[in-house]
Amino acid sequence: MKMKMDNAFYVEPEGTTGGLARWWNQGINLLVLHFDKNFIDTIISINGEEVWFGTFIYAPPYEEEKQDFWERLGTLRDDINAKWCITRDTNIVASPNEKYVGEPFDHNNAKWYHEFLERAYLMEIQSKGGTYTWSNQRSEEDEICEKLDRVLSFPEWNFLFPRAIAIIDVAIASDHAPIVLLTNGVMKRVKKDFKFESRWILEEECSHLVEEE
């Protein structure tokens, strides 16, 4: 895949599964520190500002691999005062309201996940937009939706970006919705020009709508 970005880093897939990619533009100083099939761990500075750690993950979907993954992830930062942010696919439904139909909610899996967050001093960044981040893309009667993607952070990262929010956007050509992390809590709005079609005046409802406005 080619992206209109200045820099790229890839972790090749194993056969037909897996694979990770990170793209970034000039103005972002990004150095890859560690990587494997489930994460890319980096140190980041944007426009010469203060540096922080960013780890981009794809947690394994298989139960027998989950514990090993989270233990490996937890060893990346020994210092709880580090400015550390983790984002993307955790492959865990953390609460019953993060799931729409499908298999019953796994309380044991969620309990272990929350215990991990507590041990690692991590918290989830507030998200806005959609409720779910993954769908099986089936028809309505067979549709399953879950929140699997999220942004986690150390307290020191929150102090650096106190207004940070995660925007869950609309999924396009993927079963996962993209997450936009806004460190200053503001999304720029694009001004849309109003265009009037002259043929609208031929419609009977046009004059009524104008009067109502």
N, C-alpha and C. Protein backbone atom coordinates (compact mmCIF):
# COMPACT_ATOMS: atom_id res chain seq x y z
N MET A 1 0.84 -1.19 0.00
CA MET A 1 0.00 0.00 0.00
C MET A 1 0.88 1.25 0.00
N LYS A 2 0.56 2.23 -0.84
CA LYS A 2 1.30 3.49 -0.89
C LYS A 2 0.47 4.61 -0.29
N MET A 3 1.08 5.33 0.62
CA MET A 3 0.43 6.47 1.26
C MET A 3 1.22 7.72 0.92
N LYS A 4 0.52 8.85 0.87
CA LYS A 4 1.18 10.12 0.58
C LYS A 4 1.80 10.66 1.86
N MET A 5 2.77 9.93 2.39
CA MET A 5 3.49 10.30 3.60
C MET A 5 4.97 10.32 3.30
N ASP A 6 5.71 11.06 4.12
CA ASP A 6 7.15 11.19 3.89
C ASP A 6 7.94 10.00 4.40
N ASN A 7 7.44 9.33 5.45
CA ASN A 7 8.18 8.23 6.06
C ASN A 7 7.25 7.06 6.36
N ALA A 8 7.84 5.87 6.43
CA ALA A 8 7.04 4.67 6.70
C ALA A 8 7.88 3.62 7.40
N PHE A 9 7.19 2.78 8.19
CA PHE A 9 7.83 1.64 8.84
C PHE A 9 6.84 0.48 8.81
N TYR A 10 7.32 -0.72 8.45
CA TYR A 10 6.43 -1.87 8.29
C TYR A 10 6.92 -3.07 9.10
N VAL A 11 5.96 -3.81 9.63
CA VAL A 11 6.21 -5.14 10.17
C VAL A 11 5.49 -6.10 9.25
N GLU A 12 6.25 -6.95 8.57
CA GLU A 12 5.67 -7.82 7.55
C GLU A 12 4.70 -8.83 8.15
N PRO A 13 3.63 -9.17 7.43
CA PRO A 13 2.68 -10.18 7.92
C PRO A 13 3.30 -11.56 7.95
N GLU A 14 2.71 -12.44 8.75
CA GLU A 14 3.12 -13.83 8.79
C GLU A 14 2.15 -14.62 7.91
N GLY A 15 2.57 -14.95 6.72
CA GLY A 15 1.68 -15.59 5.77
C GLY A 15 0.66 -14.58 5.26
N THR A 16 -0.61 -14.90 5.45
CA THR A 16 -1.68 -14.00 4.99
C THR A 16 -2.31 -13.22 6.14
N THR A 17 -1.75 -13.32 7.34
CA THR A 17 -2.34 -12.64 8.50
C THR A 17 -1.33 -11.70 9.14
N GLY A 18 -1.87 -10.75 9.89
CA GLY A 18 -1.03 -9.82 10.64
C GLY A 18 -0.42 -8.75 9.76
N GLY A 19 0.67 -8.19 10.24
CA GLY A 19 1.30 -7.09 9.54
C GLY A 19 0.91 -5.76 10.16
N LEU A 20 1.88 -4.88 10.35
CA LEU A 20 1.64 -3.56 10.93
C LEU A 20 2.35 -2.52 10.08
N ALA A 21 1.83 -1.29 10.11
CA ALA A 21 2.45 -0.21 9.35
C ALA A 21 2.30 1.10 10.11
N ARG A 22 3.30 1.96 9.99
CA ARG A 22 3.26 3.29 10.59
C ARG A 22 3.75 4.27 9.55
N TRP A 23 2.96 5.32 9.29
CA TRP A 23 3.34 6.38 8.36
C TRP A 23 3.36 7.71 9.09
N TRP A 24 4.27 8.60 8.71
CA TRP A 24 4.29 9.93 9.31
C TRP A 24 4.94 10.93 8.36
N ASN A 25 4.58 12.20 8.54
CA ASN A 25 5.06 13.28 7.68
C ASN A 25 6.20 14.05 8.33
N GLN A 26 6.79 14.94 7.53
CA GLN A 26 7.81 15.84 8.07
C GLN A 26 7.18 16.71 9.16
N GLY A 27 8.00 17.09 10.11
CA GLY A 27 7.50 17.83 11.27
C GLY A 27 7.27 16.92 12.45
N ILE A 28 7.17 15.60 12.17
CA ILE A 28 7.05 14.60 13.23
C ILE A 28 8.36 13.82 13.30
N ASN A 29 9.03 13.93 14.42
CA ASN A 29 10.27 13.19 14.64
C ASN A 29 9.91 11.89 15.35
N LEU A 30 9.96 10.78 14.62
CA LEU A 30 9.55 9.49 15.16
C LEU A 30 10.67 8.47 15.01
N LEU A 31 11.00 7.81 16.11
CA LEU A 31 12.05 6.79 16.11
C LEU A 31 11.46 5.49 16.63
N VAL A 32 11.59 4.41 15.86
CA VAL A 32 11.10 3.10 16.28
C VAL A 32 12.10 2.49 17.27
N LEU A 33 11.61 2.14 18.47
CA LEU A 33 12.45 1.58 19.52
C LEU A 33 12.39 0.06 19.55
N HIS A 34 11.17 -0.49 19.50
CA HIS A 34 10.97 -1.93 19.55
C HIS A 34 9.79 -2.28 18.63
N PHE A 35 9.78 -3.51 18.17
CA PHE A 35 8.62 -3.97 17.40
C PHE A 35 8.59 -5.48 17.37
N ASP A 36 7.39 -6.03 17.21
CA ASP A 36 7.21 -7.44 16.91
C ASP A 36 5.90 -7.56 16.14
N LYS A 37 5.33 -8.74 16.03
CA LYS A 37 4.14 -8.93 15.20
C LYS A 37 2.90 -8.26 15.78
N ASN A 38 2.97 -7.82 17.06
CA ASN A 38 1.80 -7.25 17.71
C ASN A 38 1.91 -5.77 18.07
N PHE A 39 3.09 -5.17 17.93
CA PHE A 39 3.18 -3.75 18.26
C PHE A 39 4.38 -3.09 17.59
N ILE A 40 4.27 -1.76 17.47
CA ILE A 40 5.40 -0.91 17.07
C ILE A 40 5.55 0.14 18.17
N ASP A 41 6.67 0.12 18.85
CA ASP A 41 6.93 1.03 19.97
C ASP A 41 7.84 2.15 19.50
N THR A 42 7.43 3.40 19.72
CA THR A 42 8.17 4.54 19.18
C THR A 42 8.37 5.63 20.22
N ILE A 43 9.26 6.55 19.91
CA ILE A 43 9.40 7.79 20.66
C ILE A 43 9.13 8.93 19.68
N ILE A 44 8.32 9.90 20.09
CA ILE A 44 7.76 10.89 19.17
C ILE A 44 7.97 12.31 19.69
N SER A 45 8.26 13.21 18.76
CA SER A 45 8.26 14.64 19.04
C SER A 45 7.64 15.34 17.84
N ILE A 46 6.64 16.17 18.08
CA ILE A 46 5.93 16.86 17.00
C ILE A 46 6.36 18.32 16.97
N ASN A 47 6.89 18.72 15.82
CA ASN A 47 7.35 20.11 15.64
C ASN A 47 8.32 20.55 16.73
N GLY A 48 9.20 19.64 17.14
CA GLY A 48 10.23 19.98 18.11
C GLY A 48 9.76 20.12 19.53
N GLU A 49 8.50 19.78 19.81
CA GLU A 49 7.99 19.89 21.17
C GLU A 49 8.44 18.70 22.02
N GLU A 50 7.95 18.63 23.26
CA GLU A 50 8.41 17.62 24.20
C GLU A 50 8.18 16.20 23.67
N VAL A 51 9.11 15.31 23.93
CA VAL A 51 9.04 13.94 23.41
C VAL A 51 8.14 13.07 24.31
N TRP A 52 7.53 12.07 23.71
CA TRP A 52 6.73 11.10 24.44
C TRP A 52 6.76 9.76 23.70
N PHE A 53 6.38 8.71 24.42
CA PHE A 53 6.38 7.37 23.85
C PHE A 53 5.01 7.06 23.26
N GLY A 54 4.98 6.47 22.06
CA GLY A 54 3.74 6.05 21.44
C GLY A 54 3.86 4.61 20.97
N THR A 55 2.97 3.75 21.43
CA THR A 55 3.00 2.34 21.05
C THR A 55 1.70 2.00 20.33
N PHE A 56 1.84 1.47 19.14
CA PHE A 56 0.70 1.17 18.27
C PHE A 56 0.55 -0.35 18.21
N ILE A 57 -0.62 -0.85 18.64
CA ILE A 57 -0.75 -2.28 18.90
C ILE A 57 -1.83 -2.96 18.05
N TYR A 58 -1.62 -4.24 17.85
CA TYR A 58 -2.66 -5.16 17.39
C TYR A 58 -2.58 -6.37 18.31
N ALA A 59 -3.41 -6.36 19.35
CA ALA A 59 -3.38 -7.44 20.33
C ALA A 59 -3.89 -8.73 19.71
N PRO A 60 -3.32 -9.87 20.09
CA PRO A 60 -3.75 -11.13 19.50
C PRO A 60 -5.20 -11.45 19.85
N PRO A 61 -5.95 -12.01 18.90
CA PRO A 61 -7.35 -12.35 19.17
C PRO A 61 -7.52 -13.66 19.91
N TYR A 62 -6.46 -14.48 19.99
CA TYR A 62 -6.56 -15.81 20.58
C TYR A 62 -6.28 -15.77 22.08
N GLU A 63 -7.15 -16.43 22.83
CA GLU A 63 -7.09 -16.37 24.29
C GLU A 63 -5.74 -16.81 24.83
N GLU A 64 -5.15 -17.86 24.25
CA GLU A 64 -3.90 -18.41 24.78
C GLU A 64 -2.72 -17.47 24.56
N GLU A 65 -2.87 -16.44 23.71
CA GLU A 65 -1.77 -15.51 23.43
C GLU A 65 -1.92 -14.17 24.14
N LYS A 66 -3.11 -13.90 24.69
CA LYS A 66 -3.39 -12.57 25.24
C LYS A 66 -2.51 -12.23 26.44
N GLN A 67 -2.39 -13.16 27.41
CA GLN A 67 -1.63 -12.86 28.62
C GLN A 67 -0.17 -12.55 28.29
N ASP A 68 0.43 -13.36 27.43
CA ASP A 68 1.82 -13.13 27.04
C ASP A 68 1.99 -11.77 26.38
N PHE A 69 1.03 -11.38 25.53
CA PHE A 69 1.13 -10.09 24.86
C PHE A 69 1.11 -8.93 25.86
N TRP A 70 0.13 -8.93 26.78
CA TRP A 70 0.02 -7.81 27.71
C TRP A 70 1.20 -7.77 28.67
N GLU A 71 1.75 -8.92 29.01
CA GLU A 71 2.94 -8.93 29.86
C GLU A 71 4.13 -8.34 29.13
N ARG A 72 4.29 -8.68 27.85
CA ARG A 72 5.38 -8.11 27.05
C ARG A 72 5.20 -6.61 26.90
N LEU A 73 3.96 -6.19 26.66
CA LEU A 73 3.69 -4.76 26.50
C LEU A 73 4.00 -4.00 27.79
N GLY A 74 3.65 -4.60 28.93
CA GLY A 74 3.88 -3.94 30.20
C GLY A 74 5.34 -3.74 30.53
N THR A 75 6.24 -4.55 29.95
CA THR A 75 7.67 -4.43 30.24
C THR A 75 8.35 -3.32 29.43
N LEU A 76 7.64 -2.71 28.48
CA LEU A 76 8.26 -1.68 27.65
C LEU A 76 8.62 -0.44 28.45
N ARG A 77 7.80 -0.10 29.46
CA ARG A 77 8.05 1.09 30.27
C ARG A 77 8.13 0.70 31.73
N ASP A 78 9.31 0.72 32.29
CA ASP A 78 9.48 0.44 33.72
C ASP A 78 9.17 1.66 34.58
N ASP A 79 9.32 2.85 34.00
CA ASP A 79 9.13 4.10 34.74
C ASP A 79 7.70 4.59 34.56
N ILE A 80 6.91 4.59 35.64
CA ILE A 80 5.51 5.03 35.53
C ILE A 80 5.41 6.53 35.30
N ASN A 81 6.53 7.24 35.42
CA ASN A 81 6.52 8.68 35.14
C ASN A 81 6.77 8.97 33.66
N ALA A 82 6.90 7.93 32.85
CA ALA A 82 7.11 8.13 31.42
C ALA A 82 5.85 8.69 30.78
N LYS A 83 6.05 9.49 29.75
CA LYS A 83 4.93 10.04 28.98
C LYS A 83 4.62 9.02 27.87
N TRP A 84 3.65 8.13 28.16
CA TRP A 84 3.42 6.96 27.31
C TRP A 84 1.97 6.87 26.89
N CYS A 85 1.75 6.64 25.62
CA CYS A 85 0.41 6.48 25.06
C CYS A 85 0.36 5.20 24.22
N ILE A 86 -0.67 4.40 24.40
CA ILE A 86 -0.87 3.16 23.64
C ILE A 86 -2.18 3.28 22.89
N THR A 87 -2.19 2.92 21.62
CA THR A 87 -3.43 3.04 20.86
C THR A 87 -3.59 1.93 19.84
N ARG A 88 -4.81 1.67 19.53
CA ARG A 88 -5.33 0.84 18.45
C ARG A 88 -6.06 -0.38 18.99
N ASP A 89 -5.85 -1.57 18.42
CA ASP A 89 -6.73 -2.72 18.63
C ASP A 89 -6.30 -3.52 19.85
N THR A 90 -7.09 -3.42 20.95
CA THR A 90 -6.80 -4.19 22.16
C THR A 90 -7.40 -5.59 22.09
N ASN A 91 -8.34 -5.80 21.17
CA ASN A 91 -9.03 -7.09 21.01
C ASN A 91 -9.67 -7.55 22.32
N ILE A 92 -10.16 -6.60 23.10
CA ILE A 92 -10.84 -6.90 24.36
C ILE A 92 -12.09 -6.03 24.48
N VAL A 93 -13.21 -6.64 24.82
CA VAL A 93 -14.42 -5.90 25.17
C VAL A 93 -14.38 -5.69 26.67
N ALA A 94 -14.26 -4.44 27.10
CA ALA A 94 -13.98 -4.15 28.50
C ALA A 94 -15.22 -4.09 29.39
N SER A 95 -16.41 -3.94 28.82
CA SER A 95 -17.64 -3.87 29.61
C SER A 95 -18.82 -4.32 28.75
N PRO A 96 -19.94 -4.71 29.36
CA PRO A 96 -21.09 -5.19 28.59
C PRO A 96 -21.63 -4.19 27.59
N ASN A 97 -21.56 -2.89 27.90
CA ASN A 97 -22.11 -1.88 26.98
C ASN A 97 -21.20 -1.62 25.79
N GLU A 98 -20.06 -2.32 25.71
CA GLU A 98 -19.17 -2.20 24.55
C GLU A 98 -19.41 -3.32 23.55
N LYS A 99 -20.55 -4.00 23.68
CA LYS A 99 -20.84 -5.15 22.82
C LYS A 99 -22.30 -5.14 22.40
N TYR A 100 -22.54 -5.43 21.12
CA TYR A 100 -23.90 -5.53 20.60
C TYR A 100 -24.10 -6.91 20.01
N VAL A 101 -24.91 -7.73 20.67
CA VAL A 101 -25.22 -9.14 20.35
C VAL A 101 -23.94 -9.97 20.21
N GLY A 102 -24.03 -11.13 19.57
CA GLY A 102 -22.88 -12.01 19.45
C GLY A 102 -22.72 -12.88 20.70
N GLU A 103 -21.50 -13.36 20.93
CA GLU A 103 -21.21 -14.21 22.08
C GLU A 103 -21.43 -13.44 23.39
N PRO A 104 -21.77 -14.14 24.48
CA PRO A 104 -21.96 -13.46 25.77
C PRO A 104 -20.71 -12.70 26.19
N PHE A 105 -20.90 -11.64 26.95
CA PHE A 105 -19.79 -10.84 27.44
C PHE A 105 -18.89 -11.69 28.34
N ASP A 106 -17.58 -11.61 28.12
CA ASP A 106 -16.59 -12.41 28.86
C ASP A 106 -16.12 -11.62 30.08
N HIS A 107 -16.71 -11.90 31.23
CA HIS A 107 -16.37 -11.17 32.46
C HIS A 107 -14.94 -11.45 32.90
N ASN A 108 -14.48 -12.68 32.75
CA ASN A 108 -13.12 -13.02 33.19
C ASN A 108 -12.07 -12.29 32.36
N ASN A 109 -12.29 -12.24 31.06
CA ASN A 109 -11.37 -11.54 30.18
C ASN A 109 -11.31 -10.06 30.53
N ALA A 110 -12.47 -9.45 30.77
CA ALA A 110 -12.53 -8.03 31.12
C ALA A 110 -11.89 -7.77 32.48
N LYS A 111 -12.10 -8.67 33.44
CA LYS A 111 -11.51 -8.50 34.78
C LYS A 111 -10.00 -8.50 34.69
N TRP A 112 -9.45 -9.46 33.93
CA TRP A 112 -8.00 -9.53 33.78
C TRP A 112 -7.46 -8.26 33.13
N TYR A 113 -8.19 -7.75 32.13
CA TYR A 113 -7.77 -6.53 31.42
C TYR A 113 -7.72 -5.34 32.38
N HIS A 114 -8.77 -5.16 33.18
CA HIS A 114 -8.80 -4.03 34.11
C HIS A 114 -7.73 -4.17 35.19
N GLU A 115 -7.45 -5.39 35.59
CA GLU A 115 -6.36 -5.60 36.55
C GLU A 115 -5.02 -5.22 35.93
N PHE A 116 -4.85 -5.51 34.66
CA PHE A 116 -3.62 -5.13 33.97
C PHE A 116 -3.47 -3.61 33.94
N LEU A 117 -4.57 -2.90 33.61
CA LEU A 117 -4.51 -1.43 33.58
C LEU A 117 -4.12 -0.88 34.95
N GLU A 118 -4.67 -1.49 36.00
CA GLU A 118 -4.36 -1.02 37.35
C GLU A 118 -2.90 -1.27 37.69
N ARG A 119 -2.39 -2.43 37.34
CA ARG A 119 -0.98 -2.76 37.63
C ARG A 119 -0.03 -1.85 36.86
N ALA A 120 -0.42 -1.53 35.62
CA ALA A 120 0.46 -0.74 34.75
C ALA A 120 0.22 0.76 34.88
N TYR A 121 -0.72 1.18 35.75
CA TYR A 121 -1.04 2.59 35.95
C TYR A 121 -1.52 3.26 34.65
N LEU A 122 -2.25 2.50 33.84
CA LEU A 122 -2.78 3.02 32.58
C LEU A 122 -4.25 3.35 32.72
N MET A 123 -4.71 4.33 31.97
CA MET A 123 -6.12 4.68 31.93
C MET A 123 -6.54 4.88 30.49
N GLU A 124 -7.85 4.76 30.24
CA GLU A 124 -8.35 4.94 28.88
C GLU A 124 -8.72 6.40 28.63
N ILE A 125 -8.27 6.93 27.49
CA ILE A 125 -8.61 8.30 27.10
C ILE A 125 -10.07 8.37 26.67
N GLN A 126 -10.75 9.43 27.03
CA GLN A 126 -12.15 9.62 26.64
C GLN A 126 -12.30 9.57 25.13
N SER A 127 -13.35 8.89 24.67
CA SER A 127 -13.61 8.80 23.23
C SER A 127 -14.96 9.42 22.90
N LYS A 128 -15.06 9.93 21.69
CA LYS A 128 -16.30 10.51 21.18
C LYS A 128 -16.56 9.96 19.78
N GLY A 129 -17.80 10.06 19.35
CA GLY A 129 -18.16 9.55 18.03
C GLY A 129 -18.98 8.29 18.18
N GLY A 130 -18.64 7.24 17.47
CA GLY A 130 -19.39 5.99 17.53
C GLY A 130 -19.18 5.25 18.83
N THR A 131 -20.11 4.34 19.13
CA THR A 131 -20.01 3.51 20.33
C THR A 131 -19.08 2.34 20.12
N TYR A 132 -19.12 1.76 18.93
CA TYR A 132 -18.34 0.56 18.62
C TYR A 132 -17.26 0.87 17.59
N THR A 133 -16.20 0.07 17.60
CA THR A 133 -15.10 0.28 16.65
C THR A 133 -14.91 -0.88 15.69
N TRP A 134 -15.65 -1.97 15.91
CA TRP A 134 -15.52 -3.15 15.04
C TRP A 134 -16.89 -3.71 14.74
N SER A 135 -17.06 -4.20 13.51
CA SER A 135 -18.30 -4.85 13.11
C SER A 135 -17.96 -6.03 12.21
N ASN A 136 -18.79 -7.08 12.29
CA ASN A 136 -18.59 -8.22 11.40
C ASN A 136 -19.14 -7.96 10.00
N GLN A 137 -19.73 -6.77 9.81
CA GLN A 137 -20.20 -6.30 8.50
C GLN A 137 -21.24 -7.24 7.88
N ARG A 138 -22.08 -7.79 8.73
CA ARG A 138 -23.19 -8.62 8.26
C ARG A 138 -24.47 -7.79 8.17
N SER A 139 -25.51 -8.38 7.66
CA SER A 139 -26.80 -7.72 7.60
C SER A 139 -27.34 -7.51 9.02
N GLU A 140 -28.38 -6.68 9.16
CA GLU A 140 -28.85 -6.24 10.48
C GLU A 140 -29.13 -7.40 11.43
N GLU A 141 -29.81 -8.44 10.97
CA GLU A 141 -30.17 -9.53 11.88
C GLU A 141 -28.97 -10.36 12.32
N ASP A 142 -27.87 -10.31 11.56
CA ASP A 142 -26.67 -11.08 11.91
C ASP A 142 -25.50 -10.18 12.33
N GLU A 143 -25.74 -8.90 12.49
CA GLU A 143 -24.65 -7.96 12.78
C GLU A 143 -24.16 -8.10 14.21
N ILE A 144 -22.85 -8.06 14.38
CA ILE A 144 -22.21 -8.03 15.70
C ILE A 144 -21.30 -6.81 15.75
N CYS A 145 -21.41 -6.02 16.80
CA CYS A 145 -20.58 -4.81 16.94
C CYS A 145 -19.91 -4.83 18.31
N GLU A 146 -18.64 -4.40 18.36
CA GLU A 146 -17.89 -4.37 19.60
C GLU A 146 -16.94 -3.17 19.62
N LYS A 147 -16.60 -2.72 20.81
CA LYS A 147 -15.55 -1.72 20.95
C LYS A 147 -14.27 -2.44 21.31
N LEU A 148 -13.36 -2.53 20.35
CA LEU A 148 -12.09 -3.22 20.55
C LEU A 148 -10.90 -2.27 20.52
N ASP A 149 -11.09 -1.10 19.90
CA ASP A 149 -9.99 -0.15 19.70
C ASP A 149 -10.12 0.99 20.70
N ARG A 150 -9.00 1.43 21.24
CA ARG A 150 -9.03 2.47 22.27
C ARG A 150 -7.66 3.11 22.41
N VAL A 151 -7.58 4.14 23.25
CA VAL A 151 -6.32 4.83 23.54
C VAL A 151 -6.08 4.77 25.04
N LEU A 152 -4.93 4.26 25.44
CA LEU A 152 -4.55 4.16 26.84
C LEU A 152 -3.33 5.04 27.10
N SER A 153 -3.18 5.49 28.35
CA SER A 153 -2.05 6.38 28.62
C SER A 153 -1.63 6.35 30.09
N PHE A 154 -0.37 6.73 30.31
CA PHE A 154 0.16 6.96 31.64
C PHE A 154 -0.30 8.34 32.13
N PRO A 155 -0.37 8.55 33.47
CA PRO A 155 -0.74 9.88 33.99
C PRO A 155 0.15 11.00 33.48
N GLU A 156 1.46 10.75 33.35
CA GLU A 156 2.36 11.81 32.89
C GLU A 156 2.03 12.25 31.46
N TRP A 157 1.56 11.33 30.61
CA TRP A 157 1.14 11.71 29.26
C TRP A 157 -0.12 12.56 29.34
N ASN A 158 -1.01 12.25 30.27
CA ASN A 158 -2.23 13.05 30.44
C ASN A 158 -1.91 14.47 30.91
N PHE A 159 -0.89 14.60 31.74
CA PHE A 159 -0.48 15.94 32.18
C PHE A 159 0.07 16.74 31.01
N LEU A 160 0.74 16.04 30.08
CA LEU A 160 1.29 16.71 28.90
C LEU A 160 0.18 17.13 27.94
N PHE A 161 -0.86 16.30 27.82
CA PHE A 161 -1.98 16.58 26.91
C PHE A 161 -3.30 16.45 27.69
N PRO A 162 -3.62 17.40 28.56
CA PRO A 162 -4.80 17.28 29.43
C PRO A 162 -6.13 17.34 28.67
N ARG A 163 -6.15 17.84 27.44
CA ARG A 163 -7.39 17.97 26.68
C ARG A 163 -7.54 16.88 25.62
N ALA A 164 -6.70 15.87 25.66
CA ALA A 164 -6.70 14.84 24.62
C ALA A 164 -8.02 14.06 24.60
N ILE A 165 -8.51 13.78 23.41
CA ILE A 165 -9.68 12.93 23.23
C ILE A 165 -9.43 12.03 22.02
N ALA A 166 -10.16 10.93 21.97
CA ALA A 166 -10.08 10.01 20.84
C ALA A 166 -11.40 10.06 20.07
N ILE A 167 -11.33 10.31 18.78
CA ILE A 167 -12.52 10.38 17.94
C ILE A 167 -12.67 9.06 17.19
N ILE A 168 -13.80 8.38 17.39
CA ILE A 168 -14.10 7.16 16.64
C ILE A 168 -14.81 7.58 15.36
N ASP A 169 -14.15 7.40 14.23
CA ASP A 169 -14.67 7.85 12.94
C ASP A 169 -15.44 6.73 12.25
N VAL A 170 -15.90 7.00 11.05
CA VAL A 170 -16.70 6.03 10.29
C VAL A 170 -15.79 5.04 9.58
N ALA A 171 -16.10 3.76 9.68
CA ALA A 171 -15.30 2.72 9.02
C ALA A 171 -15.54 2.75 7.52
N ILE A 172 -14.45 2.76 6.75
CA ILE A 172 -14.51 2.74 5.29
C ILE A 172 -13.56 1.65 4.80
N ALA A 173 -14.09 0.68 4.08
CA ALA A 173 -13.29 -0.41 3.49
C ALA A 173 -12.53 -1.20 4.56
N SER A 174 -13.08 -1.29 5.75
CA SER A 174 -12.45 -2.05 6.83
C SER A 174 -13.52 -2.42 7.84
N ASP A 175 -13.30 -3.51 8.59
CA ASP A 175 -14.24 -3.86 9.65
C ASP A 175 -13.94 -3.11 10.95
N HIS A 176 -12.83 -2.35 10.97
CA HIS A 176 -12.50 -1.51 12.11
C HIS A 176 -12.69 -0.03 11.76
N ALA A 177 -13.24 0.72 12.71
CA ALA A 177 -13.36 2.17 12.53
C ALA A 177 -12.02 2.82 12.87
N PRO A 178 -11.63 3.86 12.13
CA PRO A 178 -10.39 4.57 12.47
C PRO A 178 -10.55 5.38 13.76
N ILE A 179 -9.47 5.52 14.50
CA ILE A 179 -9.45 6.36 15.71
C ILE A 179 -8.52 7.53 15.46
N VAL A 180 -9.03 8.73 15.64
CA VAL A 180 -8.23 9.95 15.49
C VAL A 180 -7.92 10.48 16.89
N LEU A 181 -6.66 10.49 17.26
CA LEU A 181 -6.24 10.99 18.57
C LEU A 181 -5.93 12.48 18.45
N LEU A 182 -6.71 13.30 19.14
CA LEU A 182 -6.52 14.75 19.14
C LEU A 182 -5.88 15.14 20.47
N THR A 183 -4.62 15.52 20.44
CA THR A 183 -3.92 15.82 21.68
C THR A 183 -4.38 17.12 22.31
N ASN A 184 -4.93 18.05 21.50
CA ASN A 184 -5.42 19.30 22.08
C ASN A 184 -6.94 19.35 22.18
N GLY A 185 -7.60 18.23 21.85
CA GLY A 185 -9.05 18.14 22.01
C GLY A 185 -9.85 18.92 21.01
N VAL A 186 -9.26 19.38 19.93
CA VAL A 186 -9.97 20.20 18.95
C VAL A 186 -9.83 19.59 17.57
N MET A 187 -10.94 19.43 16.88
CA MET A 187 -10.92 18.98 15.49
C MET A 187 -11.29 20.14 14.59
N LYS A 188 -10.44 20.42 13.62
CA LYS A 188 -10.69 21.53 12.72
C LYS A 188 -11.89 21.23 11.84
N ARG A 189 -12.78 22.20 11.73
CA ARG A 189 -13.96 22.05 10.90
C ARG A 189 -13.71 22.69 9.54
N VAL A 190 -14.12 21.97 8.52
CA VAL A 190 -13.97 22.48 7.16
C VAL A 190 -15.23 23.26 6.79
N LYS A 191 -15.07 24.52 6.40
CA LYS A 191 -16.20 25.34 6.04
C LYS A 191 -16.76 24.91 4.69
N LYS A 192 -18.04 24.65 4.67
CA LYS A 192 -18.68 24.21 3.44
C LYS A 192 -19.44 25.38 2.80
N ASP A 193 -19.21 25.57 1.51
CA ASP A 193 -19.91 26.63 0.79
C ASP A 193 -21.35 26.23 0.51
N PHE A 194 -22.26 27.19 0.67
CA PHE A 194 -23.66 26.94 0.34
C PHE A 194 -23.87 27.22 -1.14
N LYS A 195 -24.51 26.30 -1.81
CA LYS A 195 -24.78 26.46 -3.23
C LYS A 195 -26.29 26.38 -3.47
N PHE A 196 -26.80 27.31 -4.27
CA PHE A 196 -28.23 27.35 -4.54
C PHE A 196 -28.48 26.97 -6.00
N GLU A 197 -29.35 26.01 -6.20
CA GLU A 197 -29.72 25.60 -7.54
C GLU A 197 -30.96 26.37 -7.97
N SER A 198 -30.88 27.05 -9.10
CA SER A 198 -32.00 27.86 -9.56
C SER A 198 -33.26 27.04 -9.80
N ARG A 199 -33.12 25.78 -10.11
CA ARG A 199 -34.29 24.94 -10.37
C ARG A 199 -35.12 24.69 -9.11
N TRP A 200 -34.49 24.97 -7.92
CA TRP A 200 -35.24 24.75 -6.68
C TRP A 200 -36.48 25.64 -6.59
N ILE A 201 -36.43 26.85 -7.21
CA ILE A 201 -37.57 27.77 -7.10
C ILE A 201 -38.80 27.24 -7.82
N LEU A 202 -38.61 26.21 -8.65
CA LEU A 202 -39.75 25.60 -9.34
C LEU A 202 -40.50 24.62 -8.43
N GLU A 203 -39.86 24.26 -7.33
CA GLU A 203 -40.51 23.33 -6.40
C GLU A 203 -41.48 24.09 -5.50
N GLU A 204 -42.66 23.50 -5.26
CA GLU A 204 -43.70 24.16 -4.46
C GLU A 204 -43.26 24.40 -3.02
N GLU A 205 -42.44 23.48 -2.48
CA GLU A 205 -42.04 23.60 -1.08
C GLU A 205 -40.97 24.65 -0.85
N CYS A 206 -40.34 25.12 -1.91
CA CYS A 206 -39.23 26.06 -1.76
C CYS A 206 -39.63 27.34 -1.05
N SER A 207 -40.71 27.97 -1.52
CA SER A 207 -41.14 29.25 -0.91
C SER A 207 -41.52 29.09 0.54
N HIS A 208 -42.15 27.94 0.90
CA HIS A 208 -42.53 27.70 2.28
C HIS A 208 -41.30 27.54 3.17
N LEU A 209 -40.28 26.83 2.68
CA LEU A 209 -39.07 26.64 3.45
C LEU A 209 -38.34 27.96 3.69
N VAL A 210 -38.31 28.83 2.67
CA VAL A 210 -37.67 30.14 2.79
C VAL A 210 -38.39 30.98 3.83
N GLU A 211 -39.73 30.96 3.82
CA GLU A 211 -40.51 31.73 4.78
C GLU A 211 -40.27 31.25 6.21
N GLU A 212 -40.12 29.92 6.37
CA GLU A 212 -39.90 29.37 7.69
C GLU A 212 -38.55 29.78 8.25
N GLU A 213 -37.54 29.89 7.37
CA GLU A 213 -36.22 30.30 7.80
C GLU A 213 -36.19 31.76 8.18
